N, C-alpha and C. Protein backbone atom coordinates (compact mmCIF):
# COMPACT_ATOMS: atom_id res chain seq x y z
N MET A 1 0.85 -1.27 0.05
CA MET A 1 -0.05 0.05 0.01
C MET A 1 0.92 1.26 0.05
N ILE A 2 0.34 2.31 -0.53
CA ILE A 2 1.09 3.51 -0.58
C ILE A 2 0.84 4.27 0.72
N GLY A 3 1.96 4.71 1.35
CA GLY A 3 1.78 5.47 2.56
C GLY A 3 1.59 6.91 2.29
N GLY A 4 1.52 7.77 3.34
CA GLY A 4 1.30 9.17 3.23
C GLY A 4 2.47 9.84 2.59
N ASN A 5 3.62 9.50 2.93
CA ASN A 5 4.81 10.16 2.40
C ASN A 5 4.99 9.85 0.93
N GLN A 6 4.77 8.56 0.53
CA GLN A 6 4.90 8.08 -0.81
C GLN A 6 3.87 8.84 -1.74
N PHE A 7 2.64 8.98 -1.19
CA PHE A 7 1.63 9.69 -1.91
C PHE A 7 1.88 11.10 -2.25
N LEU A 8 2.49 11.72 -1.22
CA LEU A 8 2.81 13.17 -1.26
C LEU A 8 3.97 13.33 -2.40
N ILE A 9 4.92 12.38 -2.46
CA ILE A 9 5.99 12.43 -3.42
C ILE A 9 5.41 12.26 -4.79
N ILE A 10 4.54 11.28 -4.92
CA ILE A 10 3.89 11.09 -6.28
C ILE A 10 3.12 12.37 -6.77
N VAL A 11 2.37 12.97 -5.79
CA VAL A 11 1.63 14.23 -6.22
C VAL A 11 2.63 15.28 -6.66
N ILE A 12 3.59 15.50 -5.99
CA ILE A 12 4.63 16.58 -6.25
C ILE A 12 5.26 16.11 -7.57
N VAL A 13 5.71 14.99 -8.00
CA VAL A 13 6.24 14.69 -9.27
C VAL A 13 5.26 14.77 -10.38
N ALA A 14 3.96 14.46 -10.14
CA ALA A 14 2.94 14.79 -11.07
C ALA A 14 2.81 16.33 -11.47
N LEU A 15 2.89 17.07 -10.34
CA LEU A 15 2.75 18.58 -10.53
C LEU A 15 3.89 19.04 -11.37
N VAL A 16 5.03 18.54 -11.02
CA VAL A 16 6.30 19.08 -11.74
C VAL A 16 6.20 18.56 -13.30
N LEU A 17 5.91 17.38 -13.47
CA LEU A 17 5.76 16.89 -14.89
C LEU A 17 4.71 17.48 -15.70
N PHE A 18 3.45 17.60 -15.22
CA PHE A 18 2.32 17.97 -15.95
C PHE A 18 1.94 19.49 -15.78
N GLY A 19 2.39 19.94 -14.66
CA GLY A 19 1.95 21.39 -14.45
C GLY A 19 0.51 21.36 -13.86
N GLY A 20 0.20 22.39 -12.99
CA GLY A 20 -1.06 22.62 -12.32
C GLY A 20 -2.22 22.64 -13.16
N SER A 21 -2.13 23.16 -14.33
CA SER A 21 -3.29 23.40 -15.26
C SER A 21 -3.62 22.15 -15.97
N GLN A 22 -2.65 21.17 -16.15
CA GLN A 22 -2.92 20.02 -16.92
C GLN A 22 -3.46 18.85 -16.08
N ILE A 23 -3.42 18.93 -14.83
CA ILE A 23 -3.86 17.76 -13.92
C ILE A 23 -5.33 17.54 -13.98
N PRO A 24 -6.18 18.69 -14.01
CA PRO A 24 -7.61 18.35 -14.22
C PRO A 24 -7.96 17.80 -15.54
N LYS A 25 -7.26 18.18 -16.69
CA LYS A 25 -7.59 17.65 -18.01
C LYS A 25 -7.06 16.13 -18.03
N LEU A 26 -5.96 15.87 -17.38
CA LEU A 26 -5.46 14.41 -17.34
C LEU A 26 -6.46 13.58 -16.58
N ALA A 27 -6.96 14.08 -15.48
CA ALA A 27 -7.91 13.33 -14.65
C ALA A 27 -9.18 13.11 -15.35
N ARG A 28 -9.62 14.04 -16.06
CA ARG A 28 -10.95 13.85 -16.98
C ARG A 28 -10.67 12.94 -17.95
N SER A 29 -9.58 12.83 -18.67
CA SER A 29 -9.25 11.94 -19.72
C SER A 29 -9.27 10.49 -19.20
N ILE A 30 -8.66 10.37 -18.02
CA ILE A 30 -8.52 9.05 -17.43
C ILE A 30 -9.92 8.53 -16.97
N GLY A 31 -10.72 9.52 -16.53
CA GLY A 31 -12.10 9.08 -16.10
C GLY A 31 -12.97 8.72 -17.33
N GLN A 32 -12.83 9.36 -18.44
CA GLN A 32 -13.56 9.05 -19.66
C GLN A 32 -13.13 7.75 -20.17
N ALA A 33 -11.80 7.51 -20.22
CA ALA A 33 -11.45 6.23 -20.68
C ALA A 33 -11.80 5.02 -19.77
N GLN A 34 -11.86 5.21 -18.50
CA GLN A 34 -12.36 4.28 -17.68
C GLN A 34 -13.80 4.03 -17.82
N LYS A 35 -14.69 5.01 -18.14
CA LYS A 35 -16.10 4.88 -18.37
C LYS A 35 -16.34 4.06 -19.62
N GLU A 36 -15.52 4.38 -20.62
CA GLU A 36 -15.69 3.72 -22.01
C GLU A 36 -15.32 2.24 -21.84
N PHE A 37 -14.16 1.95 -21.06
CA PHE A 37 -13.78 0.62 -20.81
C PHE A 37 -14.83 -0.17 -20.17
N LYS A 38 -15.55 0.30 -19.11
CA LYS A 38 -16.53 -0.34 -18.37
C LYS A 38 -17.80 -0.64 -19.34
N GLN A 39 -18.13 0.40 -20.14
CA GLN A 39 -19.16 0.13 -21.08
C GLN A 39 -18.90 -0.93 -22.12
N GLY A 40 -17.70 -1.04 -22.62
CA GLY A 40 -17.19 -2.05 -23.47
C GLY A 40 -17.35 -3.44 -22.84
N LEU A 41 -16.93 -3.47 -21.56
CA LEU A 41 -17.00 -4.78 -20.81
C LEU A 41 -18.58 -5.14 -20.66
N ALA A 42 -19.39 -4.15 -20.35
CA ALA A 42 -20.79 -4.51 -20.17
C ALA A 42 -21.41 -4.93 -21.54
N GLU A 43 -21.01 -4.33 -22.66
CA GLU A 43 -21.49 -4.77 -23.89
C GLU A 43 -21.11 -6.12 -24.30
N ASP A 44 -19.87 -6.53 -23.95
CA ASP A 44 -19.34 -7.81 -24.11
C ASP A 44 -20.16 -8.80 -23.33
N VAL A 45 -20.47 -8.56 -22.15
CA VAL A 45 -21.14 -9.43 -21.26
C VAL A 45 -22.64 -9.60 -21.89
N ASP A 46 -23.28 -8.52 -22.38
CA ASP A 46 -24.61 -8.64 -22.98
C ASP A 46 -24.55 -9.43 -24.26
N ASP A 47 -23.55 -9.34 -25.12
CA ASP A 47 -23.37 -10.19 -26.25
C ASP A 47 -23.29 -11.67 -26.08
N GLU A 48 -22.56 -12.01 -24.97
CA GLU A 48 -22.49 -13.36 -24.51
C GLU A 48 -23.73 -13.95 -24.07
N ASP A 49 -24.63 -13.19 -23.40
CA ASP A 49 -25.91 -13.60 -22.87
C ASP A 49 -26.84 -14.03 -24.04
N GLU A 50 -26.84 -13.30 -25.13
CA GLU A 50 -27.82 -13.45 -26.25
C GLU A 50 -27.32 -14.75 -27.04
N PRO A 51 -28.35 -15.74 -27.29
CA PRO A 51 -27.93 -16.85 -27.92
C PRO A 51 -27.87 -16.60 -29.53
N GLU A 52 -27.00 -17.15 -30.20
CA GLU A 52 -26.84 -16.91 -31.53
C GLU A 52 -27.96 -17.64 -32.24
N VAL A 53 -28.61 -16.95 -33.29
CA VAL A 53 -29.72 -17.70 -34.07
C VAL A 53 -29.21 -18.03 -35.31
N GLU A 54 -29.27 -19.46 -35.50
CA GLU A 54 -28.86 -19.88 -36.82
C GLU A 54 -29.91 -20.04 -37.86
N SER A 55 -29.70 -19.86 -38.97
CA SER A 55 -30.74 -19.89 -40.00
C SER A 55 -30.88 -21.37 -40.35
N THR A 56 -32.17 -21.87 -40.25
CA THR A 56 -32.41 -23.33 -40.53
C THR A 56 -33.24 -23.43 -41.84
N GLN A 57 -33.43 -22.30 -42.59
CA GLN A 57 -34.09 -22.25 -43.83
C GLN A 57 -33.07 -22.62 -44.90
N LYS A 58 -33.45 -23.49 -45.84
CA LYS A 58 -32.64 -23.86 -46.96
C LYS A 58 -32.81 -22.89 -48.05
N LYS A 59 -31.74 -22.55 -48.78
CA LYS A 59 -31.81 -21.68 -49.89
C LYS A 59 -32.51 -22.33 -51.00
N LYS A 60 -33.41 -21.56 -51.71
CA LYS A 60 -34.19 -22.11 -52.84
C LYS A 60 -33.53 -21.69 -54.18
């Protein structure tokens, strides 16, 4: 687990690398990516639940 001092060091390094104005944009992008990933997983589960329908009609 990350302790208090380690978390503080990570935050300081992030501020130095990205700058204070870029942190909210970065967090927003990560949140959107996570939301899209979860939606993709949910769609995959829905696809597995639906049985595949095979055509039993013969071509004439």
